[in-house]
C-alpha atoms as a PDB file:
ATOM      1  CA  MET A   1      -5.121  -2.398 -22.823  1.00  0.00           C
ATOM      2  CA  ILE A   2      -1.932  -3.211 -20.954  1.00  0.00           C
ATOM      3  CA  LYS A   3      -1.808  -7.768 -20.622  1.00  0.00           C
ATOM      4  CA  GLU A   4      -0.697  -8.942 -17.850  1.00  0.00           C
ATOM      5  CA  THR A   5       1.996 -12.097 -17.796  1.00  0.00           C
ATOM      6  CA  LYS A   6       1.397 -14.958 -15.509  1.00  0.00           C
ATOM      7  CA  GLU A   7       4.846 -13.884 -13.608  1.00  0.00           C
ATOM      8  CA  ALA A   8       2.503 -10.514 -12.449  1.00  0.00           C
ATOM      9  CA  LEU A   9      -0.550 -12.299 -11.678  1.00  0.00           C
ATOM     10  CA  GLU A  10       1.488 -15.437  -9.525  1.00  0.00           C
ATOM     11  CA  THR A  11       3.170 -11.997  -7.554  1.00  0.00           C
ATOM     12  CA  TRP A  12       0.159 -10.039  -7.073  1.00  0.00           C
ATOM     13  CA  GLN A  13      -1.172 -12.672  -5.617  1.00  0.00           C
ATOM     14  CA  TYR A  14       2.298 -13.701  -3.497  1.00  0.00           C
ATOM     15  CA  LEU A  15       2.045 -10.080  -2.429  1.00  0.00           C
ATOM     16  CA  ARG A  16      -1.800 -10.014  -1.376  1.00  0.00           C
ATOM     17  CA  SER A  17      -1.602 -13.628   0.426  1.00  0.00           C
ATOM     18  CA  ALA A  18       2.205 -12.860   1.914  1.00  0.00           C
ATOM     19  CA  TYR A  19       2.712  -9.138   2.606  1.00  0.00           C
ATOM     20  CA  PHE A  20      -1.121  -7.529   2.773  1.00  0.00           C
ATOM     21  CA  SER A  21      -1.916  -8.849   5.808  1.00  0.00           C
ATOM     22  CA  ARG A  22       1.329  -7.496   7.884  1.00  0.00           C
ATOM     23  CA  PHE A  23       1.067  -4.462   6.062  1.00  0.00           C
ATOM     24  CA  VAL A  24      -2.581  -3.963   7.352  1.00  0.00           C
ATOM     25  CA  GLU A  25      -1.417  -5.537  10.783  1.00  0.00           C
ATOM     26  CA  GLY A  26       0.752  -2.815  10.883  1.00  0.00           C
ATOM     27  CA  ILE A  27      -0.666   0.049   9.550  1.00  0.00           C
ATOM     28  CA  THR A  28      -3.428   0.216  11.925  1.00  0.00           C
ATOM     29  CA  GLN A  29      -1.117  -0.170  14.492  1.00  0.00           C
ATOM     30  CA  LEU A  30      -0.554   3.562  13.996  1.00  0.00           C
ATOM     31  CA  PRO A  31      -3.101   6.311  15.753  1.00  0.00           C
ATOM     32  CA  TRP A  32      -4.944   7.642  12.886  1.00  0.00           C
ATOM     33  CA  ASN A  33      -3.102  10.931  12.427  1.00  0.00           C
ATOM     34  CA  GLU A  34       0.146   9.350  12.081  1.00  0.00           C
ATOM     35  CA  ARG A  35      -1.708   6.454   9.650  1.00  0.00           C
ATOM     36  CA  TYR A  36      -3.472   9.326   7.358  1.00  0.00           C
ATOM     37  CA  ASP A  37       0.199  10.595   6.570  1.00  0.00           C
ATOM     38  CA  VAL A  38       1.676   7.272   5.822  1.00  0.00           C
ATOM     39  CA  LEU A  39      -1.238   6.069   3.707  1.00  0.00           C
ATOM     40  CA  LYS A  40      -0.711   9.500   2.323  1.00  0.00           C
ATOM     41  CA  GLU A  41       2.861   9.149   0.980  1.00  0.00           C
ATOM     42  CA  ILE A  42       1.534   6.070   0.075  1.00  0.00           C
ATOM     43  CA  HIS A  43      -1.620   6.252  -2.031  1.00  0.00           C
ATOM     44  CA  GLY A  44       1.356   9.222  -3.473  1.00  0.00           C
ATOM     45  CA  GLU A  45      -1.383  11.816  -5.104  1.00  0.00           C
ATOM     46  CA  TRP A  46      -3.937  11.819  -2.803  1.00  0.00           C
ATOM     47  CA  GLU A  47      -5.590  15.771  -2.095  1.00  0.00           C
ATOM     48  CA  PRO A  48      -7.246  16.902   1.092  1.00  0.00           C
ATOM     49  CA  ARG A  49     -10.374  16.210   1.305  1.00  0.00           C
ATOM     50  CA  GLY A  50     -13.441  18.871   3.542  1.00  0.00           C
ATOM     51  CA  GLU A  51     -11.980  19.541   6.582  1.00  0.00           C
ATOM     52  CA  ASP A  52     -11.381  16.625   7.662  1.00  0.00           C
ATOM     53  CA  PRO A  53      -8.672  15.683   5.766  1.00  0.00           C
ATOM     54  CA  VAL A  54      -8.762  12.416   8.447  1.00  0.00           C
ATOM     55  CA  GLU A  55     -12.322  11.838   8.783  1.00  0.00           C
ATOM     56  CA  ALA A  56     -11.840  12.175   4.745  1.00  0.00           C
ATOM     57  CA  MET A  57      -9.161   9.335   4.500  1.00  0.00           C
ATOM     58  CA  MET A  58     -11.244   6.474   6.957  1.00  0.00           C
ATOM     59  CA  GLU A  59     -13.977   6.880   4.436  1.00  0.00           C
ATOM     60  CA  TYR A  60     -11.758   6.102   1.662  1.00  0.00           C
ATOM     61  CA  ILE A  61     -10.248   3.260   3.444  1.00  0.00           C
ATOM     62  CA  PHE A  62     -14.048   1.816   4.204  1.00  0.00           C
ATOM     63  CA  GLU A  63     -15.081   2.695   0.637  1.00  0.00           C
ATOM     64  CA  LYS A  64     -11.744   1.006  -0.959  1.00  0.00           C
ATOM     65  CA  THR A  65     -10.299  -0.552   1.709  1.00  0.00           C
ATOM     66  CA  TYR A  66      -6.690  -0.793   2.602  1.00  0.00           C
ATOM     67  CA  PHE A  67      -5.780  -2.477  -0.360  1.00  0.00           C
ATOM     68  CA  ALA A  68      -6.408   0.080  -2.897  1.00  0.00           C
ATOM     69  CA  ILE A  69      -3.852   1.979  -1.099  1.00  0.00           C
ATOM     70  CA  PHE A  70      -1.388  -0.612  -1.040  1.00  0.00           C
ATOM     71  CA  CYS A  71      -2.376  -1.274  -5.204  1.00  0.00           C
ATOM     72  CA  LYS A  72      -0.049   2.042  -5.371  1.00  0.00           C
ATOM     73  CA  GLY A  73       2.274   1.427  -3.534  1.00  0.00           C
ATOM     74  CA  VAL A  74       3.942  -1.399  -4.824  1.00  0.00           C
ATOM     75  CA  THR A  75       5.033  -1.749  -8.898  1.00  0.00           C
ATOM     76  CA  VAL A  76       4.659  -5.379 -10.080  1.00  0.00           C
ATOM     77  CA  PHE A  77       6.837  -6.004 -13.543  1.00  0.00           C
ATOM     78  CA  SER A  78       6.319  -8.204 -16.746  1.00  0.00           C
ATOM     79  CA  ASP A  79       8.499 -11.003 -15.569  1.00  0.00           C
ATOM     80  CA  GLY A  80       7.308 -10.942 -11.794  1.00  0.00           C
ATOM     81  CA  SER A  81       9.602  -8.816 -10.272  1.00  0.00           C
ATOM     82  CA  PHE A  82       7.955  -5.493  -7.571  1.00  0.00           C
ATOM     83  CA  LYS A  83       9.522  -2.649  -6.572  1.00  0.00           C
ATOM     84  CA  ILE A  84       7.865  -2.095  -2.960  1.00  0.00           C
ATOM     85  CA  HIS A  85       6.839   1.676  -1.428  1.00  0.00           C
ATOM     86  CA  ARG A  86       9.410   1.838   2.133  1.00  0.00           C
ATOM     87  CA  LEU A  87       6.328   2.818   3.588  1.00  0.00           C
ATOM     88  CA  ILE A  88       4.815  -0.296   3.158  1.00  0.00           C
ATOM     89  CA  SER A  89       8.046  -1.898   4.230  1.00  0.00           C
ATOM     90  CA  THR A  90       8.396   0.061   7.426  1.00  0.00           C
ATOM     91  CA  ASN A  91       4.614  -1.060   7.935  1.00  0.00           C
ATOM     92  CA  LEU A  92       5.145  -5.179   7.343  1.00  0.00           C
ATOM     93  CA  GLY A  93       6.858  -5.605  11.008  1.00  0.00           C
ATOM     94  CA  LYS A  94      10.278  -6.389  12.258  1.00  0.00           C
ATOM     95  CA  VAL A  95      11.233  -8.559   8.499  1.00  0.00           C
ATOM     96  CA  GLY A  96      10.583  -5.418   5.836  1.00  0.00           C
ATOM     97  CA  ILE A  97      12.237  -5.232   2.425  1.00  0.00           C
ATOM     98  CA  PHE A  98      12.958  -1.918   1.535  1.00  0.00           C
ATOM     99  CA  ASP A  99      14.089  -0.377  -2.362  1.00  0.00           C
ATOM    100  CA  GLU A 100      15.526   3.187  -1.986  1.00  0.00           C
ATOM    101  CA  SER A 101      14.925   3.791  -5.583  1.00  0.00           C
ATOM    102  CA  TYR A 102      10.574   3.722  -5.012  1.00  0.00           C
END
């Protein structure tokens, strides 16, 4: 088991309070067919499910919430630094951040 550092936990707290709500606000402005493509890429391991993949994504979001996808698109390091997926940044609004190497 990996031990979380104080710095990493503080970063997750910051990301949840400062970035997550902006991400949800931005992503929910997209129509579901576009939102599906964005969420699928951020998820990184999404497998099409059932006859209607968009409906399957809606069910996933209903069950797991947007935070599950958000977490898959963020890497927090033990020193508290972090990398964020470009599509999370794109959907943060006018003041997104972007790391080409993600």
